[in-house]
């Protein structure tokens, strides 16, 4: 059973990402900067997360010159608690499942993550913004929005993650500026 203190630490931004990163590389010592880069969290978030996780006994630190080295704890009781944390990010997994289910529609061209989840700055329980790029020759915007919204409701029931679709005609993605410029460098989670 997880304690309230443990859950409150994990609920803060970046903590789960830091733990997942340390679990993925159990034999590696990370500096705070390296850990932030690999976990895709801001450096200050990584500093705060390591401080909180060390206080909870989940990580160990040691000074190496001017840097601080971080590793996962070797305390068996703490490690058993850490194993209860899922290996994957529920928001990203829900977004991928959503995109895969939506891919049955021939009008769908691609799905991209954006917003907090797309930037990797989300906290547990936040909604997922997914850009739905559709072929406007095969479907109109109203129909695309209806189908995308209905499927988002189904994914919410299945995963308890809220997916917020943003339907964008493919021609918009080729324009300079606007929403297309925001989305072009975001992670593509499905593409035809």
N, C-alpha and C. Protein backbone atom coordinates (compact mmCIF):
# COMPACT_ATOMS: atom_id res chain seq x y z
N UNK A 1 0.84 -1.19 0.00
CA UNK A 1 0.00 0.00 0.00
C UNK A 1 0.88 1.24 0.00
N UNK A 2 0.49 2.22 -0.83
CA UNK A 2 1.25 3.45 -0.92
C UNK A 2 0.76 4.45 0.11
N UNK A 3 1.70 5.11 0.76
CA UNK A 3 1.33 6.10 1.78
C UNK A 3 0.85 7.39 1.12
N UNK A 4 0.14 8.18 1.88
CA UNK A 4 -0.33 9.48 1.39
C UNK A 4 0.85 10.38 1.02
N UNK A 5 1.92 10.34 1.85
CA UNK A 5 3.11 11.15 1.58
C UNK A 5 3.74 10.75 0.25
N UNK A 6 3.86 9.45 0.02
CA UNK A 6 4.44 8.93 -1.22
C UNK A 6 3.62 9.39 -2.42
N UNK A 7 2.30 9.27 -2.32
CA UNK A 7 1.43 9.68 -3.43
C UNK A 7 1.49 11.18 -3.67
N UNK A 8 1.59 11.98 -2.61
CA UNK A 8 1.65 13.43 -2.80
C UNK A 8 2.96 13.84 -3.47
N UNK A 9 4.03 13.12 -3.19
CA UNK A 9 5.31 13.40 -3.86
C UNK A 9 5.20 13.05 -5.34
N UNK A 10 4.63 11.88 -5.64
CA UNK A 10 4.50 11.45 -7.03
C UNK A 10 3.56 12.33 -7.84
N UNK A 11 2.62 12.98 -7.18
CA UNK A 11 1.65 13.81 -7.88
C UNK A 11 2.26 15.11 -8.40
N UNK A 12 3.39 15.49 -7.89
CA UNK A 12 4.03 16.73 -8.34
C UNK A 12 4.72 16.52 -9.68
N UNK A 13 4.76 17.58 -10.44
CA UNK A 13 5.32 17.54 -11.79
C UNK A 13 6.74 17.01 -11.82
N UNK A 14 7.00 16.09 -12.72
CA UNK A 14 8.34 15.59 -12.98
C UNK A 14 8.79 14.41 -12.14
N UNK A 15 8.09 14.12 -11.04
CA UNK A 15 8.56 13.06 -10.15
C UNK A 15 8.48 11.69 -10.80
N UNK A 16 7.37 11.38 -11.41
CA UNK A 16 7.22 10.07 -12.05
C UNK A 16 8.20 9.93 -13.21
N UNK A 17 8.40 11.00 -13.99
CA UNK A 17 9.34 10.95 -15.11
C UNK A 17 10.76 10.66 -14.62
N UNK A 18 11.13 11.26 -13.49
CA UNK A 18 12.47 11.01 -12.93
C UNK A 18 12.59 9.55 -12.49
N UNK A 19 11.58 9.04 -11.81
CA UNK A 19 11.62 7.64 -11.37
C UNK A 19 11.66 6.70 -12.56
N UNK A 20 10.85 6.95 -13.57
CA UNK A 20 10.86 6.09 -14.76
C UNK A 20 12.23 6.09 -15.43
N UNK A 21 12.85 7.25 -15.49
CA UNK A 21 14.17 7.35 -16.11
C UNK A 21 15.20 6.57 -15.31
N UNK A 22 15.19 6.73 -14.00
CA UNK A 22 16.14 6.00 -13.15
C UNK A 22 15.90 4.49 -13.22
N UNK A 23 14.64 4.08 -13.31
CA UNK A 23 14.34 2.65 -13.44
C UNK A 23 14.80 2.11 -14.79
N UNK A 24 14.72 2.93 -15.81
CA UNK A 24 15.13 2.47 -17.15
C UNK A 24 16.64 2.28 -17.24
N UNK A 25 17.40 3.01 -16.41
CA UNK A 25 18.87 2.92 -16.41
C UNK A 25 19.36 2.64 -14.99
N UNK A 26 19.09 1.44 -14.47
CA UNK A 26 19.38 1.15 -13.06
C UNK A 26 20.86 1.19 -12.70
N UNK A 27 21.74 0.96 -13.64
CA UNK A 27 23.18 0.92 -13.33
C UNK A 27 23.86 2.26 -13.56
N UNK A 28 23.13 3.26 -13.99
CA UNK A 28 23.73 4.54 -14.37
C UNK A 28 23.59 5.59 -13.28
N UNK A 29 24.64 6.39 -13.10
CA UNK A 29 24.59 7.57 -12.25
C UNK A 29 24.32 8.76 -13.16
N UNK A 30 23.35 9.59 -12.80
CA UNK A 30 23.01 10.77 -13.58
C UNK A 30 23.38 12.03 -12.81
N UNK A 31 23.87 13.04 -13.52
CA UNK A 31 23.90 14.37 -12.91
C UNK A 31 22.48 14.91 -13.05
N UNK A 32 22.17 15.95 -12.32
CA UNK A 32 20.83 16.54 -12.39
C UNK A 32 20.52 16.99 -13.83
N UNK A 33 21.48 17.62 -14.49
CA UNK A 33 21.27 18.09 -15.86
C UNK A 33 21.01 16.93 -16.81
N UNK A 34 21.80 15.85 -16.68
CA UNK A 34 21.58 14.68 -17.53
C UNK A 34 20.21 14.06 -17.27
N UNK A 35 19.86 13.96 -16.00
CA UNK A 35 18.57 13.38 -15.63
C UNK A 35 17.42 14.21 -16.19
N UNK A 36 17.53 15.52 -16.11
CA UNK A 36 16.50 16.41 -16.66
C UNK A 36 16.36 16.20 -18.16
N UNK A 37 17.48 16.11 -18.85
CA UNK A 37 17.46 15.94 -20.31
C UNK A 37 16.84 14.60 -20.70
N UNK A 38 17.27 13.52 -20.07
CA UNK A 38 16.77 12.18 -20.42
C UNK A 38 15.30 12.03 -20.02
N UNK A 39 14.90 12.61 -18.90
CA UNK A 39 13.52 12.50 -18.44
C UNK A 39 12.59 13.50 -19.12
N UNK A 40 13.17 14.42 -19.90
CA UNK A 40 12.40 15.46 -20.60
C UNK A 40 11.62 16.35 -19.64
N UNK A 41 12.31 16.78 -18.58
CA UNK A 41 11.72 17.73 -17.64
C UNK A 41 12.68 18.92 -17.50
N UNK A 42 12.18 20.09 -17.13
CA UNK A 42 13.08 21.23 -16.91
C UNK A 42 14.08 20.94 -15.78
N UNK A 43 15.24 21.54 -15.85
CA UNK A 43 16.30 21.29 -14.88
C UNK A 43 15.83 21.63 -13.45
N UNK A 44 15.15 22.76 -13.29
CA UNK A 44 14.68 23.12 -11.93
C UNK A 44 13.66 22.10 -11.41
N UNK A 45 12.83 21.58 -12.30
CA UNK A 45 11.88 20.53 -11.91
C UNK A 45 12.65 19.30 -11.44
N UNK A 46 13.71 18.95 -12.18
CA UNK A 46 14.53 17.79 -11.80
C UNK A 46 15.18 18.01 -10.43
N UNK A 47 15.70 19.22 -10.18
CA UNK A 47 16.30 19.52 -8.87
C UNK A 47 15.29 19.32 -7.75
N UNK A 48 14.10 19.90 -7.94
CA UNK A 48 13.07 19.79 -6.90
C UNK A 48 12.62 18.33 -6.72
N UNK A 49 12.48 17.64 -7.85
CA UNK A 49 12.05 16.24 -7.79
C UNK A 49 13.07 15.39 -7.04
N UNK A 50 14.34 15.56 -7.35
CA UNK A 50 15.38 14.78 -6.68
C UNK A 50 15.38 15.09 -5.18
N UNK A 51 15.21 16.35 -4.82
CA UNK A 51 15.16 16.73 -3.40
C UNK A 51 14.01 16.01 -2.70
N UNK A 52 12.81 16.04 -3.31
CA UNK A 52 11.64 15.37 -2.73
C UNK A 52 11.82 13.86 -2.68
N UNK A 53 12.33 13.28 -3.76
CA UNK A 53 12.49 11.83 -3.84
C UNK A 53 13.56 11.33 -2.88
N UNK A 54 14.60 12.15 -2.67
CA UNK A 54 15.63 11.78 -1.70
C UNK A 54 15.05 11.80 -0.28
N UNK A 55 14.28 12.83 0.03
CA UNK A 55 13.65 12.94 1.34
C UNK A 55 12.75 11.74 1.62
N UNK A 56 12.09 11.22 0.57
CA UNK A 56 11.22 10.05 0.71
C UNK A 56 11.99 8.74 0.69
N UNK A 57 13.30 8.82 0.45
CA UNK A 57 14.13 7.62 0.44
C UNK A 57 14.07 6.83 -0.85
N UNK A 58 13.63 7.46 -1.95
CA UNK A 58 13.49 6.76 -3.22
C UNK A 58 14.72 6.86 -4.11
N UNK A 59 15.54 7.88 -3.88
CA UNK A 59 16.78 8.03 -4.64
C UNK A 59 17.93 8.32 -3.69
N UNK A 60 19.15 8.08 -4.19
CA UNK A 60 20.37 8.41 -3.45
C UNK A 60 21.12 9.46 -4.25
N UNK A 61 21.80 10.36 -3.55
CA UNK A 61 22.64 11.35 -4.23
C UNK A 61 24.02 11.34 -3.59
N UNK A 62 24.98 11.79 -4.37
CA UNK A 62 26.33 11.99 -3.83
C UNK A 62 27.00 13.08 -4.67
N UNK A 63 27.90 13.80 -4.05
CA UNK A 63 28.61 14.88 -4.72
C UNK A 63 29.80 14.30 -5.47
N UNK A 64 29.95 14.75 -6.72
CA UNK A 64 31.12 14.42 -7.54
C UNK A 64 31.63 15.75 -8.07
N UNK A 65 32.64 16.29 -7.44
CA UNK A 65 33.10 17.63 -7.80
C UNK A 65 32.00 18.63 -7.52
N UNK A 66 31.64 19.41 -8.53
CA UNK A 66 30.56 20.39 -8.37
C UNK A 66 29.20 19.82 -8.72
N UNK A 67 29.16 18.61 -9.23
CA UNK A 67 27.91 18.00 -9.68
C UNK A 67 27.33 17.09 -8.59
N UNK A 68 26.04 16.84 -8.71
CA UNK A 68 25.36 15.89 -7.83
C UNK A 68 24.97 14.69 -8.66
N UNK A 69 25.36 13.51 -8.21
CA UNK A 69 25.04 12.25 -8.88
C UNK A 69 23.78 11.67 -8.26
N UNK A 70 22.88 11.15 -9.10
CA UNK A 70 21.61 10.61 -8.63
C UNK A 70 21.47 9.17 -9.11
N UNK A 71 21.07 8.28 -8.20
CA UNK A 71 20.76 6.89 -8.55
C UNK A 71 19.52 6.46 -7.78
N UNK A 72 18.94 5.36 -8.23
CA UNK A 72 17.78 4.79 -7.55
C UNK A 72 18.23 4.21 -6.21
N UNK A 73 17.36 4.23 -5.23
CA UNK A 73 17.67 3.66 -3.92
C UNK A 73 17.91 2.16 -4.03
N UNK A 74 18.63 1.59 -3.06
CA UNK A 74 18.78 0.14 -3.02
C UNK A 74 17.99 -0.46 -1.86
N UNK A 75 17.17 0.35 -1.20
CA UNK A 75 16.29 -0.09 -0.12
C UNK A 75 15.17 -0.95 -0.71
N UNK A 76 15.12 -2.22 -0.33
CA UNK A 76 14.14 -3.16 -0.91
C UNK A 76 12.69 -2.74 -0.68
N UNK A 77 12.38 -2.22 0.49
CA UNK A 77 11.00 -1.80 0.78
C UNK A 77 10.60 -0.64 -0.12
N UNK A 78 11.52 0.30 -0.30
CA UNK A 78 11.24 1.46 -1.18
C UNK A 78 11.12 1.01 -2.64
N UNK A 79 11.98 0.09 -3.05
CA UNK A 79 11.93 -0.40 -4.43
C UNK A 79 10.62 -1.11 -4.73
N UNK A 80 10.08 -1.81 -3.75
CA UNK A 80 8.80 -2.50 -3.98
C UNK A 80 7.69 -1.47 -4.19
N UNK A 81 7.74 -0.34 -3.51
CA UNK A 81 6.76 0.73 -3.73
C UNK A 81 6.92 1.33 -5.11
N UNK A 82 8.16 1.52 -5.52
CA UNK A 82 8.44 2.11 -6.83
C UNK A 82 7.93 1.21 -7.95
N UNK A 83 7.99 -0.10 -7.74
CA UNK A 83 7.53 -1.04 -8.78
C UNK A 83 6.04 -0.90 -9.07
N UNK A 84 5.29 -0.29 -8.16
CA UNK A 84 3.86 -0.09 -8.37
C UNK A 84 3.57 1.02 -9.38
N UNK A 85 4.58 1.83 -9.68
CA UNK A 85 4.41 2.91 -10.65
C UNK A 85 4.47 2.31 -12.05
N UNK A 86 3.48 2.57 -12.90
CA UNK A 86 3.50 1.98 -14.24
C UNK A 86 4.71 2.46 -15.05
N UNK A 87 5.17 1.59 -15.94
CA UNK A 87 6.33 1.90 -16.78
C UNK A 87 6.03 2.99 -17.79
N UNK A 88 4.79 3.13 -18.15
CA UNK A 88 4.45 4.06 -19.21
C UNK A 88 3.63 5.23 -18.68
N UNK A 89 3.61 6.28 -19.45
CA UNK A 89 2.85 7.47 -19.13
C UNK A 89 1.41 7.25 -19.57
N UNK A 90 0.45 7.25 -18.67
CA UNK A 90 -0.94 6.95 -19.04
C UNK A 90 -1.52 7.93 -20.07
N UNK A 91 -1.13 9.21 -20.00
CA UNK A 91 -1.65 10.16 -20.97
C UNK A 91 -1.14 9.85 -22.38
N UNK A 92 0.14 9.58 -22.50
CA UNK A 92 0.71 9.26 -23.82
C UNK A 92 0.12 7.96 -24.36
N UNK A 93 -0.03 6.97 -23.49
CA UNK A 93 -0.60 5.69 -23.93
C UNK A 93 -2.04 5.86 -24.37
N UNK A 94 -2.82 6.67 -23.66
CA UNK A 94 -4.21 6.92 -24.05
C UNK A 94 -4.26 7.65 -25.38
N UNK A 95 -3.36 8.60 -25.59
CA UNK A 95 -3.31 9.34 -26.86
C UNK A 95 -2.97 8.41 -28.02
N UNK A 96 -2.03 7.51 -27.80
CA UNK A 96 -1.65 6.56 -28.85
C UNK A 96 -2.80 5.59 -29.15
N UNK A 97 -3.48 5.13 -28.12
CA UNK A 97 -4.63 4.24 -28.32
C UNK A 97 -5.74 4.97 -29.07
N UNK A 98 -5.95 6.22 -28.72
CA UNK A 98 -6.95 7.05 -29.39
C UNK A 98 -6.61 7.18 -30.87
N UNK A 99 -5.37 7.52 -31.18
CA UNK A 99 -4.94 7.70 -32.57
C UNK A 99 -5.08 6.40 -33.35
N UNK A 100 -4.73 5.30 -32.73
CA UNK A 100 -4.82 4.00 -33.40
C UNK A 100 -6.28 3.66 -33.72
N UNK A 101 -7.18 3.90 -32.78
CA UNK A 101 -8.60 3.64 -33.03
C UNK A 101 -9.15 4.58 -34.11
N UNK A 102 -8.70 5.82 -34.11
CA UNK A 102 -9.15 6.80 -35.10
C UNK A 102 -8.60 6.49 -36.49
N UNK A 103 -7.49 5.75 -36.55
CA UNK A 103 -6.84 5.45 -37.84
C UNK A 103 -7.67 4.57 -38.75
N UNK A 104 -8.74 3.97 -38.25
CA UNK A 104 -9.64 3.18 -39.10
C UNK A 104 -10.37 4.06 -40.12
N UNK A 105 -10.39 5.35 -39.89
CA UNK A 105 -11.07 6.29 -40.79
C UNK A 105 -10.13 6.71 -41.92
N UNK A 106 -10.54 6.52 -43.18
CA UNK A 106 -9.65 6.83 -44.31
C UNK A 106 -9.32 8.32 -44.45
N UNK A 107 -10.10 9.18 -43.85
CA UNK A 107 -9.86 10.63 -43.95
C UNK A 107 -8.76 11.12 -43.03
N UNK A 108 -8.38 10.31 -42.03
CA UNK A 108 -7.34 10.72 -41.09
C UNK A 108 -5.98 10.66 -41.76
N UNK A 109 -5.21 11.76 -41.65
CA UNK A 109 -3.86 11.77 -42.22
C UNK A 109 -2.80 11.61 -41.14
N UNK A 110 -2.98 12.27 -40.00
CA UNK A 110 -2.03 12.11 -38.91
C UNK A 110 -2.60 12.64 -37.60
N UNK A 111 -1.98 12.19 -36.50
CA UNK A 111 -2.32 12.68 -35.17
C UNK A 111 -1.02 13.13 -34.51
N UNK A 112 -1.08 14.30 -33.87
CA UNK A 112 0.09 14.84 -33.19
C UNK A 112 -0.27 15.26 -31.77
N UNK A 113 0.66 15.01 -30.85
CA UNK A 113 0.50 15.48 -29.48
C UNK A 113 0.93 16.94 -29.40
N UNK A 114 0.20 17.73 -28.64
CA UNK A 114 0.64 19.09 -28.37
C UNK A 114 0.16 19.48 -26.97
N UNK A 115 0.34 20.70 -26.59
CA UNK A 115 -0.04 21.12 -25.24
C UNK A 115 0.95 20.59 -24.21
N UNK A 116 0.48 20.47 -22.97
CA UNK A 116 1.35 20.06 -21.86
C UNK A 116 1.95 18.67 -22.07
N UNK A 117 1.14 17.72 -22.54
CA UNK A 117 1.64 16.35 -22.75
C UNK A 117 2.65 16.35 -23.89
N UNK A 118 2.37 17.09 -24.95
CA UNK A 118 3.29 17.17 -26.09
C UNK A 118 4.64 17.76 -25.70
N UNK A 119 4.64 18.66 -24.73
CA UNK A 119 5.90 19.26 -24.26
C UNK A 119 6.53 18.45 -23.13
N UNK A 120 5.82 17.45 -22.63
CA UNK A 120 6.34 16.64 -21.53
C UNK A 120 6.30 17.37 -20.20
N UNK A 121 5.41 18.35 -20.07
CA UNK A 121 5.32 19.15 -18.85
C UNK A 121 4.04 18.88 -18.08
N UNK A 122 3.43 17.76 -18.31
CA UNK A 122 2.14 17.46 -17.70
C UNK A 122 2.29 16.77 -16.36
N UNK A 123 1.23 16.91 -15.60
CA UNK A 123 1.15 16.24 -14.30
C UNK A 123 0.14 15.10 -14.44
N UNK A 124 0.17 14.13 -13.53
CA UNK A 124 -0.81 13.05 -13.60
C UNK A 124 -2.24 13.62 -13.59
N UNK A 125 -3.08 13.05 -14.44
CA UNK A 125 -4.48 13.44 -14.49
C UNK A 125 -4.81 14.56 -15.45
N UNK A 126 -3.80 15.20 -16.05
CA UNK A 126 -4.09 16.28 -16.99
C UNK A 126 -4.63 15.70 -18.29
N UNK A 127 -5.40 16.53 -19.00
CA UNK A 127 -5.96 16.09 -20.27
C UNK A 127 -4.90 16.12 -21.37
N UNK A 128 -5.18 15.38 -22.44
CA UNK A 128 -4.24 15.22 -23.54
C UNK A 128 -4.79 15.94 -24.77
N UNK A 129 -4.01 16.86 -25.32
CA UNK A 129 -4.39 17.55 -26.54
C UNK A 129 -3.82 16.79 -27.74
N UNK A 130 -4.71 16.40 -28.66
CA UNK A 130 -4.29 15.67 -29.86
C UNK A 130 -4.80 16.41 -31.08
N UNK A 131 -3.88 16.76 -31.97
CA UNK A 131 -4.25 17.40 -33.24
C UNK A 131 -4.60 16.30 -34.24
N UNK A 132 -5.79 16.40 -34.81
CA UNK A 132 -6.29 15.45 -35.80
C UNK A 132 -6.20 16.14 -37.16
N UNK A 133 -5.25 15.73 -37.98
CA UNK A 133 -5.11 16.31 -39.31
C UNK A 133 -5.90 15.43 -40.27
N UNK A 134 -6.89 16.02 -40.92
CA UNK A 134 -7.79 15.24 -41.77
C UNK A 134 -7.78 15.76 -43.21
N UNK A 135 -8.14 14.86 -44.13
CA UNK A 135 -8.24 15.19 -45.55
C UNK A 135 -9.61 15.81 -45.78
N UNK A 136 -9.65 17.11 -46.03
CA UNK A 136 -10.92 17.82 -46.17
C UNK A 136 -11.68 17.47 -47.44
N UNK A 137 -11.06 16.71 -48.33
CA UNK A 137 -11.77 16.24 -49.53
C UNK A 137 -12.62 15.01 -49.22
N UNK A 138 -12.30 14.33 -48.11
CA UNK A 138 -13.04 13.11 -47.75
C UNK A 138 -14.07 13.32 -46.64
N UNK A 139 -13.93 14.40 -45.87
CA UNK A 139 -14.84 14.64 -44.75
C UNK A 139 -14.85 16.14 -44.43
N UNK A 140 -15.99 16.63 -43.98
CA UNK A 140 -16.01 18.05 -43.59
C UNK A 140 -15.66 18.17 -42.10
N UNK A 141 -15.40 19.40 -41.68
CA UNK A 141 -14.92 19.65 -40.33
C UNK A 141 -15.92 19.19 -39.27
N UNK A 142 -17.19 19.45 -39.48
CA UNK A 142 -18.22 19.06 -38.51
C UNK A 142 -18.21 17.56 -38.28
N UNK A 143 -18.16 16.78 -39.37
CA UNK A 143 -18.15 15.32 -39.26
C UNK A 143 -16.88 14.83 -38.55
N UNK A 144 -15.74 15.41 -38.92
CA UNK A 144 -14.47 15.02 -38.29
C UNK A 144 -14.53 15.28 -36.79
N UNK A 145 -15.06 16.45 -36.40
CA UNK A 145 -15.17 16.79 -34.97
C UNK A 145 -16.09 15.83 -34.23
N UNK A 146 -17.22 15.47 -34.86
CA UNK A 146 -18.16 14.55 -34.22
C UNK A 146 -17.53 13.19 -33.97
N UNK A 147 -16.86 12.66 -35.00
CA UNK A 147 -16.23 11.34 -34.87
C UNK A 147 -15.10 11.39 -33.84
N UNK A 148 -14.26 12.44 -33.92
CA UNK A 148 -13.13 12.57 -32.99
C UNK A 148 -13.62 12.72 -31.55
N UNK A 149 -14.68 13.49 -31.34
CA UNK A 149 -15.22 13.69 -29.99
C UNK A 149 -15.85 12.42 -29.43
N UNK A 150 -16.59 11.71 -30.29
CA UNK A 150 -17.22 10.46 -29.84
C UNK A 150 -16.15 9.44 -29.41
N UNK A 151 -15.10 9.34 -30.19
CA UNK A 151 -14.02 8.41 -29.86
C UNK A 151 -13.29 8.87 -28.59
N UNK A 152 -13.13 10.18 -28.40
CA UNK A 152 -12.49 10.70 -27.18
C UNK A 152 -13.31 10.31 -25.95
N UNK A 153 -14.63 10.34 -26.07
CA UNK A 153 -15.50 9.93 -24.95
C UNK A 153 -15.32 8.44 -24.65
N UNK A 154 -15.17 7.65 -25.69
CA UNK A 154 -14.96 6.21 -25.50
C UNK A 154 -13.61 5.94 -24.82
N UNK A 155 -12.57 6.65 -25.24
CA UNK A 155 -11.25 6.49 -24.65
C UNK A 155 -11.27 6.92 -23.18
N UNK A 156 -12.03 7.95 -22.85
CA UNK A 156 -12.17 8.40 -21.46
C UNK A 156 -12.75 7.28 -20.59
N UNK A 157 -13.76 6.59 -21.12
CA UNK A 157 -14.39 5.48 -20.39
C UNK A 157 -13.39 4.34 -20.19
N UNK A 158 -12.61 4.03 -21.25
CA UNK A 158 -11.68 2.91 -21.21
C UNK A 158 -10.44 3.18 -20.37
N UNK A 159 -9.92 4.43 -20.39
CA UNK A 159 -8.62 4.71 -19.78
C UNK A 159 -8.68 5.71 -18.63
N UNK A 160 -9.80 6.39 -18.47
CA UNK A 160 -9.96 7.48 -17.49
C UNK A 160 -9.02 8.65 -17.79
N UNK A 161 -8.63 8.80 -19.06
CA UNK A 161 -7.82 9.92 -19.50
C UNK A 161 -8.66 10.73 -20.48
N UNK A 162 -8.69 12.04 -20.28
CA UNK A 162 -9.46 12.91 -21.17
C UNK A 162 -8.60 13.31 -22.36
N UNK A 163 -9.06 12.96 -23.56
CA UNK A 163 -8.40 13.35 -24.80
C UNK A 163 -9.21 14.49 -25.39
N UNK A 164 -8.52 15.59 -25.72
CA UNK A 164 -9.17 16.75 -26.31
C UNK A 164 -8.68 16.87 -27.75
N UNK A 165 -9.54 16.47 -28.73
CA UNK A 165 -9.12 16.53 -30.12
C UNK A 165 -9.26 17.94 -30.70
N UNK A 166 -8.32 18.30 -31.55
CA UNK A 166 -8.38 19.53 -32.32
C UNK A 166 -8.28 19.13 -33.78
N UNK A 167 -9.37 19.29 -34.52
CA UNK A 167 -9.41 18.87 -35.93
C UNK A 167 -8.90 19.99 -36.82
N UNK A 168 -7.93 19.64 -37.67
CA UNK A 168 -7.29 20.61 -38.55
C UNK A 168 -7.25 20.04 -39.96
N UNK A 169 -7.76 20.80 -40.95
CA UNK A 169 -7.67 20.33 -42.33
C UNK A 169 -6.20 20.26 -42.78
N UNK A 170 -5.88 19.30 -43.61
CA UNK A 170 -4.50 19.09 -44.06
C UNK A 170 -3.92 20.34 -44.73
N UNK A 171 -4.75 21.09 -45.44
CA UNK A 171 -4.23 22.29 -46.13
C UNK A 171 -3.67 23.31 -45.14
N UNK A 172 -4.22 23.34 -43.90
CA UNK A 172 -3.72 24.27 -42.88
C UNK A 172 -2.29 23.94 -42.46
N UNK A 173 -1.94 22.67 -42.51
CA UNK A 173 -0.61 22.25 -42.07
C UNK A 173 0.49 22.73 -43.02
N UNK A 174 0.13 23.08 -44.25
CA UNK A 174 1.14 23.55 -45.20
C UNK A 174 1.33 25.07 -45.14
N UNK A 175 0.50 25.77 -44.40
CA UNK A 175 0.60 27.22 -44.29
C UNK A 175 1.65 27.63 -43.26
N UNK A 176 2.18 28.83 -43.48
CA UNK A 176 3.13 29.38 -42.50
C UNK A 176 2.36 30.05 -41.39
N UNK A 177 2.90 29.99 -40.19
CA UNK A 177 2.26 30.64 -39.06
C UNK A 177 1.05 29.89 -38.56
N UNK A 178 0.34 30.51 -37.63
CA UNK A 178 -0.87 29.92 -37.08
C UNK A 178 -0.61 28.64 -36.30
N UNK A 179 -1.65 27.85 -36.20
CA UNK A 179 -1.57 26.60 -35.43
C UNK A 179 -0.61 25.61 -36.07
N UNK A 180 -0.48 25.67 -37.40
CA UNK A 180 0.42 24.73 -38.10
C UNK A 180 1.86 24.89 -37.61
N UNK A 181 2.30 26.11 -37.39
CA UNK A 181 3.68 26.30 -36.93
C UNK A 181 3.88 25.72 -35.53
N UNK A 182 2.84 25.78 -34.70
CA UNK A 182 2.90 25.18 -33.35
C UNK A 182 2.99 23.66 -33.44
N UNK A 183 2.29 23.08 -34.41
CA UNK A 183 2.16 21.62 -34.49
C UNK A 183 3.27 20.93 -35.28
N UNK A 184 3.89 21.63 -36.21
CA UNK A 184 4.88 20.98 -37.09
C UNK A 184 6.01 20.30 -36.34
N UNK A 185 6.45 20.88 -35.23
CA UNK A 185 7.58 20.28 -34.50
C UNK A 185 7.12 19.40 -33.34
N UNK A 186 5.83 19.10 -33.25
CA UNK A 186 5.31 18.25 -32.18
C UNK A 186 5.36 16.77 -32.59
N UNK A 187 5.32 15.93 -31.59
CA UNK A 187 5.44 14.48 -31.80
C UNK A 187 4.25 13.92 -32.58
N UNK A 188 4.56 13.24 -33.67
CA UNK A 188 3.54 12.55 -34.44
C UNK A 188 3.34 11.18 -33.81
N UNK A 189 2.10 10.89 -33.40
CA UNK A 189 1.82 9.60 -32.76
C UNK A 189 1.17 8.61 -33.72
N UNK A 190 0.69 9.11 -34.86
CA UNK A 190 0.17 8.24 -35.92
C UNK A 190 0.20 9.01 -37.22
N UNK A 191 0.58 8.34 -38.31
CA UNK A 191 0.62 8.97 -39.63
C UNK A 191 0.30 7.95 -40.69
N UNK A 192 -0.53 8.36 -41.64
CA UNK A 192 -0.89 7.49 -42.76
C UNK A 192 0.28 7.39 -43.72
